Amino acid sequence: MAKIPHPEPRKIVNPKSTIQSKIENRKSKIELTLLKKLFLFYYDGFRSMTVGRKLWIIILIKLFILFFVLRLFFFPDFLKSRFSNDKDRGDYVREQLIQRK
């Protein structure tokens, strides 16, 4: 005679504890998945770009020129060239703000 294998006995699980743990896991997964989905959305979008990548490079170069290069030439440090210490600079700014009212 052939032996019939007996199935292992089922473990008795408290349904409330599994539901609570599933809810807790789901809450933490939602937070992680939201950030993960947002990151992957942009990551995949930038990775699959061909023309857009060149346009973003042009945009970044323009921003660099606007904020760093032009600032050096067209926006000199007015207060530093006129006053030697912070107290004098602060007094000058305070006077200018009061006079303009």
Protein backbone atom coordinates (compact mmCIF):
# COMPACT_ATOMS: atom_id res chain seq x y z
CA MET A 1 0.00 0.00 0.00
CA ALA A 2 1.10 3.51 -0.82
CA LYS A 3 1.30 6.06 1.95
CA ILE A 4 -0.95 9.06 1.58
CA PRO A 5 0.81 12.22 2.74
CA HIS A 6 -1.09 14.13 5.38
CA PRO A 7 -1.31 17.90 4.96
CA GLU A 8 0.29 19.99 7.68
CA PRO A 9 -2.20 21.36 10.17
CA ARG A 10 -3.25 24.97 9.60
CA LYS A 11 -2.09 27.60 12.01
CA ILE A 12 -4.87 29.46 13.73
CA VAL A 13 -4.37 33.16 13.18
CA ASN A 14 -6.19 35.97 14.85
CA PRO A 15 -7.92 37.79 11.96
CA LYS A 16 -7.87 41.16 13.73
CA SER A 17 -4.11 41.12 14.14
CA THR A 18 -3.54 40.32 10.47
CA ILE A 19 -5.95 43.06 9.38
CA GLN A 20 -4.28 45.60 11.65
CA SER A 21 -0.83 44.64 10.43
CA LYS A 22 -2.02 44.86 6.82
CA ILE A 23 -3.42 48.34 7.46
CA GLU A 24 -0.18 49.48 9.12
CA ASN A 25 1.89 48.03 6.30
CA ARG A 26 -0.38 49.65 3.75
CA LYS A 27 -0.02 53.07 5.42
CA SER A 28 3.76 52.92 5.35
CA LYS A 29 3.71 51.53 1.80
CA ILE A 30 1.44 54.36 0.64
CA GLU A 31 3.90 56.96 1.93
CA LEU A 32 6.84 55.16 0.38
CA THR A 33 5.07 54.33 -2.82
CA LEU A 34 3.87 57.91 -3.28
CA LEU A 35 7.43 59.23 -3.06
CA LYS A 36 8.71 56.32 -5.09
CA LYS A 37 6.06 56.79 -7.77
CA LEU A 38 6.79 60.50 -7.97
CA PHE A 39 10.52 59.89 -8.28
CA LEU A 40 10.08 57.14 -10.86
CA PHE A 41 7.68 59.32 -12.85
CA TYR A 42 10.29 62.03 -13.31
CA TYR A 43 13.20 59.59 -13.60
CA ASP A 44 11.53 57.64 -16.40
CA GLY A 45 10.42 60.83 -18.09
CA PHE A 46 13.91 62.31 -18.16
CA ARG A 47 15.51 59.02 -19.09
CA SER A 48 13.30 58.51 -22.13
CA MET A 49 13.72 62.06 -23.44
CA THR A 50 15.72 62.70 -26.59
CA VAL A 51 14.96 66.25 -27.74
CA GLY A 52 13.85 67.32 -24.28
CA ARG A 53 17.22 66.47 -22.80
CA LYS A 54 18.94 68.94 -25.13
CA LEU A 55 16.36 71.58 -24.27
CA TRP A 56 16.89 71.07 -20.54
CA ILE A 57 20.64 71.45 -21.04
CA ILE A 58 20.04 74.74 -22.87
CA ILE A 59 17.71 75.93 -20.09
CA LEU A 60 20.25 75.08 -17.39
CA ILE A 61 23.03 76.88 -19.27
CA LYS A 62 20.82 79.98 -19.61
CA LEU A 63 19.99 79.93 -15.91
CA PHE A 64 23.67 79.64 -15.04
CA ILE A 65 24.48 82.63 -17.24
CA LEU A 66 21.62 84.70 -15.81
CA PHE A 67 22.27 84.05 -12.15
CA PHE A 68 26.04 83.71 -11.93
CA VAL A 69 27.77 85.40 -14.86
CA LEU A 70 25.54 88.47 -15.18
CA ARG A 71 25.54 88.98 -11.42
CA LEU A 72 29.31 89.38 -11.44
CA PHE A 73 29.28 92.10 -14.10
CA PHE A 74 26.01 93.99 -13.62
CA PHE A 75 25.29 93.69 -9.91
CA PRO A 76 28.42 94.68 -7.97
CA ASP A 77 28.30 94.68 -4.18
CA PHE A 78 27.28 98.31 -3.65
CA LEU A 79 27.41 98.29 0.15
CA LYS A 80 30.75 96.54 0.38
CA SER A 81 32.41 99.07 -1.91
CA ARG A 82 31.09 102.09 0.09
CA PHE A 83 31.31 100.89 3.68
CA SER A 84 34.00 99.01 5.54
CA ASN A 85 31.98 97.31 8.32
CA ASP A 86 28.54 95.82 8.89
CA LYS A 87 27.38 98.53 11.29
CA ASP A 88 27.84 101.27 8.69
CA ARG A 89 26.11 99.16 6.04
CA GLY A 90 23.17 98.52 8.37
CA ASP A 91 22.87 102.20 9.25
CA TYR A 92 22.86 103.17 5.57
CA VAL A 93 20.14 100.64 4.72
CA ARG A 94 18.06 101.75 7.72
CA GLU A 95 18.35 105.41 6.66
CA GLN A 96 17.34 104.61 3.09
CA LEU A 97 14.30 102.64 4.20
CA ILE A 98 13.16 105.39 6.57
CA GLN A 99 13.66 108.17 4.01
CA ARG A 100 11.65 106.44 1.27
CA LYS A 101 8.42 106.41 3.26
